[in-house]
Structure formats: C-alpha cells, structure tokens
N, C-alpha and C. Protein backbone atom coordinates (compact mmCIF):
# COMPACT_ATOMS: atom_id res chain seq x y z
N MET A 1 34.62 14.79 -57.55
CA MET A 1 34.33 14.90 -56.25
C MET A 1 32.73 14.99 -56.27
N PRO A 2 32.09 14.55 -55.49
CA PRO A 2 30.49 14.58 -55.41
C PRO A 2 30.25 16.03 -54.46
N LEU A 3 29.09 16.48 -54.73
CA LEU A 3 28.55 17.40 -53.80
C LEU A 3 27.86 16.98 -52.72
N TYR A 4 28.17 17.37 -51.82
CA TYR A 4 27.27 16.84 -50.39
C TYR A 4 26.68 17.91 -49.70
N GLU A 5 25.39 17.82 -49.12
CA GLU A 5 24.50 18.53 -48.87
C GLU A 5 24.58 18.41 -47.30
N PHE A 6 24.60 19.80 -46.36
CA PHE A 6 24.86 19.61 -44.96
C PHE A 6 23.72 20.51 -44.60
N LYS A 7 23.39 20.26 -43.03
CA LYS A 7 22.74 21.16 -42.52
C LYS A 7 23.26 21.71 -40.94
N ASN A 8 23.41 22.90 -40.88
CA ASN A 8 24.35 23.66 -39.72
C ASN A 8 23.08 23.48 -38.62
N ASN A 9 22.84 22.66 -37.56
CA ASN A 9 22.16 22.73 -36.59
C ASN A 9 22.04 23.80 -35.72
N ASP A 10 23.25 24.54 -35.72
CA ASP A 10 23.29 25.81 -34.77
C ASP A 10 22.57 27.02 -35.49
N THR A 11 22.22 26.95 -37.06
CA THR A 11 22.09 27.99 -37.70
C THR A 11 20.63 27.66 -38.49
N ASN A 12 20.48 26.13 -38.48
CA ASN A 12 19.53 25.92 -39.38
C ASN A 12 19.95 26.07 -40.93
N GLN A 13 20.67 26.50 -41.46
CA GLN A 13 21.07 26.84 -42.82
C GLN A 13 21.54 25.49 -43.52
N ASP A 14 21.42 25.64 -44.62
CA ASP A 14 21.85 24.23 -45.64
C ASP A 14 23.33 24.72 -46.21
N GLU A 15 24.07 23.78 -46.29
CA GLU A 15 25.42 24.35 -47.11
C GLU A 15 25.82 23.18 -48.24
N SER A 16 26.30 23.65 -49.00
CA SER A 16 26.79 22.66 -50.25
C SER A 16 28.21 22.41 -50.30
N HIS A 17 29.01 21.28 -50.23
CA HIS A 17 30.41 21.35 -50.33
C HIS A 17 30.71 20.16 -51.34
N PHE A 18 31.99 20.48 -52.13
CA PHE A 18 32.41 19.50 -53.13
C PHE A 18 33.55 18.87 -51.95
N PHE A 19 33.37 17.26 -51.72
CA PHE A 19 34.49 16.72 -51.10
C PHE A 19 34.90 15.33 -51.48
N THR A 20 35.92 14.86 -51.20
CA THR A 20 36.20 13.51 -51.40
C THR A 20 35.74 12.81 -50.30
N ILE A 21 35.64 11.34 -50.45
CA ILE A 21 35.25 10.69 -49.23
C ILE A 21 35.76 11.07 -47.83
N THR A 22 36.99 11.01 -48.02
CA THR A 22 37.90 11.17 -46.62
C THR A 22 37.76 12.59 -46.27
N GLU A 23 37.46 13.67 -47.05
CA GLU A 23 37.45 14.87 -46.57
C GLU A 23 36.06 14.95 -45.98
N ARG A 24 35.19 14.42 -46.37
CA ARG A 24 33.60 14.69 -45.95
C ARG A 24 33.66 14.12 -44.59
N LYS A 25 34.34 12.77 -44.44
CA LYS A 25 34.28 12.19 -42.98
C LYS A 25 35.27 13.03 -42.07
N ASN A 26 36.29 13.81 -42.47
CA ASN A 26 36.97 14.58 -41.77
C ASN A 26 36.35 15.77 -41.42
N PHE A 27 35.29 16.64 -42.32
CA PHE A 27 34.64 17.77 -42.05
C PHE A 27 33.51 17.32 -41.07
N LEU A 28 33.03 16.39 -41.29
CA LEU A 28 31.81 15.85 -40.31
C LEU A 28 32.56 15.81 -38.94
N LEU A 29 33.66 15.14 -38.78
CA LEU A 29 34.13 14.72 -37.44
C LEU A 29 34.76 16.12 -36.80
N GLU A 30 35.26 17.17 -37.46
CA GLU A 30 35.81 18.36 -37.29
C GLU A 30 34.50 19.57 -36.77
N ASN A 31 33.29 19.13 -37.29
CA ASN A 31 32.18 19.86 -36.95
C ASN A 31 31.07 19.22 -36.75
N PRO A 32 30.79 18.73 -35.34
CA PRO A 32 29.90 18.13 -34.87
C PRO A 32 28.48 18.70 -34.79
N HIS A 33 28.49 19.87 -34.82
CA HIS A 33 27.08 20.71 -35.03
C HIS A 33 26.63 20.69 -36.53
N ILE A 34 27.15 19.93 -37.36
CA ILE A 34 26.59 19.66 -38.66
C ILE A 34 26.58 18.48 -39.23
N THR A 35 25.24 18.16 -39.62
CA THR A 35 24.90 16.89 -40.22
C THR A 35 24.61 16.73 -41.47
N GLN A 36 24.90 15.47 -42.07
CA GLN A 36 24.62 15.43 -43.56
C GLN A 36 23.35 15.11 -44.03
N ARG A 37 22.55 15.95 -44.93
CA ARG A 37 21.33 15.53 -45.34
C ARG A 37 21.39 14.86 -46.61
N LEU A 38 20.35 14.10 -46.71
CA LEU A 38 20.22 13.24 -48.03
C LEU A 38 19.32 14.00 -49.21
N ALA A 39 20.24 14.18 -50.23
CA ALA A 39 19.89 14.91 -51.38
C ALA A 39 19.65 14.10 -52.25
N SER A 40 18.65 14.47 -53.16
CA SER A 40 18.31 13.74 -54.33
C SER A 40 19.30 14.17 -55.54
N PRO A 41 19.48 13.07 -56.42
CA PRO A 41 20.46 13.70 -57.42
C PRO A 41 19.78 14.64 -58.12
N PRO A 42 20.45 15.21 -59.25
CA PRO A 42 19.98 16.40 -59.92
C PRO A 42 19.56 15.65 -61.58
N TYR A 43 18.91 14.54 -61.62
CA TYR A 43 18.86 14.24 -62.95
C TYR A 43 17.24 14.08 -63.09
N GLY A 44 16.99 14.34 -64.61
CA GLY A 44 15.53 14.19 -64.84
C GLY A 44 15.41 13.23 -66.10
N ASP A 45 14.25 12.89 -66.10
CA ASP A 45 13.64 12.23 -67.38
C ASP A 45 13.41 13.42 -68.48
N SER A 46 14.25 13.30 -69.55
CA SER A 46 14.16 14.13 -70.64
C SER A 46 13.07 14.06 -71.49
N VAL A 47 12.40 12.72 -71.50
CA VAL A 47 11.15 12.79 -72.38
C VAL A 47 9.78 13.44 -71.30
N ARG A 48 9.80 13.19 -69.95
CA ARG A 48 8.90 13.68 -69.19
C ARG A 48 9.06 14.96 -69.18
N LEU A 49 10.24 15.85 -69.23
CA LEU A 49 10.59 17.33 -69.30
C LEU A 49 10.25 18.00 -70.32
N GLY A 50 9.92 17.09 -71.30
CA GLY A 50 9.51 17.73 -72.84
C GLY A 50 10.53 17.98 -73.71
N ILE A 51 11.94 17.61 -73.07
CA ILE A 51 13.09 18.00 -73.87
C ILE A 51 13.42 17.18 -75.28
N ARG A 52 12.95 15.73 -75.00
CA ARG A 52 13.06 14.84 -76.19
C ARG A 52 11.61 14.05 -76.33
N LYS A 53 11.38 13.75 -77.45
CA LYS A 53 10.07 13.09 -77.74
C LYS A 53 10.56 11.77 -77.84
N ILE A 54 9.50 10.59 -77.47
CA ILE A 54 9.50 9.33 -77.60
C ILE A 54 9.67 9.05 -79.33
N ASP A 55 10.67 8.08 -79.66
CA ASP A 55 10.78 7.73 -81.15
C ASP A 55 9.44 6.86 -81.62
N ASN A 56 9.26 6.85 -82.62
CA ASN A 56 8.21 5.81 -83.35
C ASN A 56 8.03 4.42 -83.00
N SER A 57 9.33 3.78 -82.64
CA SER A 57 9.44 2.37 -82.43
C SER A 57 8.91 2.12 -81.02
N PHE A 58 8.75 3.11 -80.29
CA PHE A 58 8.08 2.72 -78.95
C PHE A 58 6.73 2.28 -79.13
N ASN A 59 5.95 3.35 -79.85
CA ASN A 59 4.72 3.09 -80.34
C ASN A 59 4.23 1.61 -80.69
N ASP A 60 5.14 0.82 -81.22
CA ASP A 60 5.00 -0.40 -81.71
C ASP A 60 4.77 -1.42 -80.25
N VAL A 61 6.01 -1.15 -79.50
CA VAL A 61 6.04 -1.59 -77.95
C VAL A 61 4.53 -1.37 -77.41
N LEU A 62 4.32 -0.26 -77.41
CA LEU A 62 2.78 -0.04 -76.73
C LEU A 62 1.59 -0.71 -77.48
N LEU A 63 1.65 -0.80 -78.65
CA LEU A 63 0.64 -1.61 -79.59
C LEU A 63 0.73 -3.02 -79.02
N LYS A 64 1.73 -3.71 -78.78
CA LYS A 64 2.03 -4.96 -78.44
C LYS A 64 1.37 -5.25 -77.13
N ALA A 65 1.99 -4.14 -76.21
CA ALA A 65 1.29 -4.34 -74.77
C ALA A 65 -0.18 -4.28 -74.84
N LYS A 66 -0.76 -3.29 -75.64
CA LYS A 66 -2.10 -3.26 -75.61
C LYS A 66 -2.92 -4.48 -76.18
N GLY A 67 -2.12 -4.97 -77.40
CA GLY A 67 -2.81 -6.29 -77.72
C GLY A 67 -2.78 -7.63 -76.83
N ALA A 68 -1.83 -7.41 -75.79
CA ALA A 68 -1.84 -8.54 -75.02
C ALA A 68 -2.89 -8.70 -73.98
N HIS A 69 -3.25 -7.59 -73.60
CA HIS A 69 -4.18 -7.19 -72.32
C HIS A 69 -5.68 -6.88 -73.05
N LEU A 70 -6.35 -7.44 -72.60
CA LEU A 70 -7.76 -7.27 -73.20
C LEU A 70 -8.48 -5.80 -72.89
N HIS A 71 -8.50 -5.61 -71.62
CA HIS A 71 -8.90 -4.30 -71.11
C HIS A 71 -7.80 -3.12 -70.83
N SER A 72 -6.69 -3.04 -71.74
CA SER A 72 -5.79 -2.18 -71.55
C SER A 72 -6.13 -0.88 -72.03
N THR A 73 -5.81 0.17 -70.88
CA THR A 73 -6.15 1.55 -71.24
C THR A 73 -4.74 2.24 -71.78
N ILE A 74 -4.18 1.56 -72.73
CA ILE A 74 -2.88 2.38 -72.85
C ILE A 74 -3.32 3.27 -74.30
N GLU A 75 -2.71 4.34 -74.23
CA GLU A 75 -3.10 5.20 -75.27
C GLU A 75 -1.66 4.91 -76.13
N THR A 76 -1.96 4.91 -77.58
CA THR A 76 -0.87 4.68 -78.62
C THR A 76 -1.39 6.12 -79.66
N LYS A 77 -0.21 6.20 -80.58
CA LYS A 77 -0.50 7.49 -81.53
C LYS A 77 -1.28 7.01 -82.73
C-alpha cells in the first residue's frame, strides 16, 4: 500500500496515511476538508549522495564523450 500525503484545510496540518486506492478515494469523500498533497518519492541517487562511487568503466564513457566533442569541459579521472 502506498503512503499518501494529505493536508487538513481546517487546521493546516499535514497528515500521512497508508491506503489502498479505494480506501484513499473513500477517505477523501468522507473528509471534504482534507486535500491530497503531491509528495515526492523518497528516492535518492546513491552516487550523488556519496553512498556509492562510480565504477572505473564509466570513466571510459566520459573519455569517449570528451573525445567526440572538441570543446568539451567533461572532467575525467
């Protein structure tokens, strides 16, 4: 079941609930003072977060891209 984000328009408080799609629809119908908020998924790029390093074979890809473009500013290892 996905986690949905809601805003209570009466109190301006944010709420999170686990619902099936049908349960979410029923919840919104029964609670007209609550609106669903668009929330970003909790995913992150492990390389950009510093958890995992790029392997050395990707450096070959960067070298090919740099060689194909005369004025490239791509930095390689």
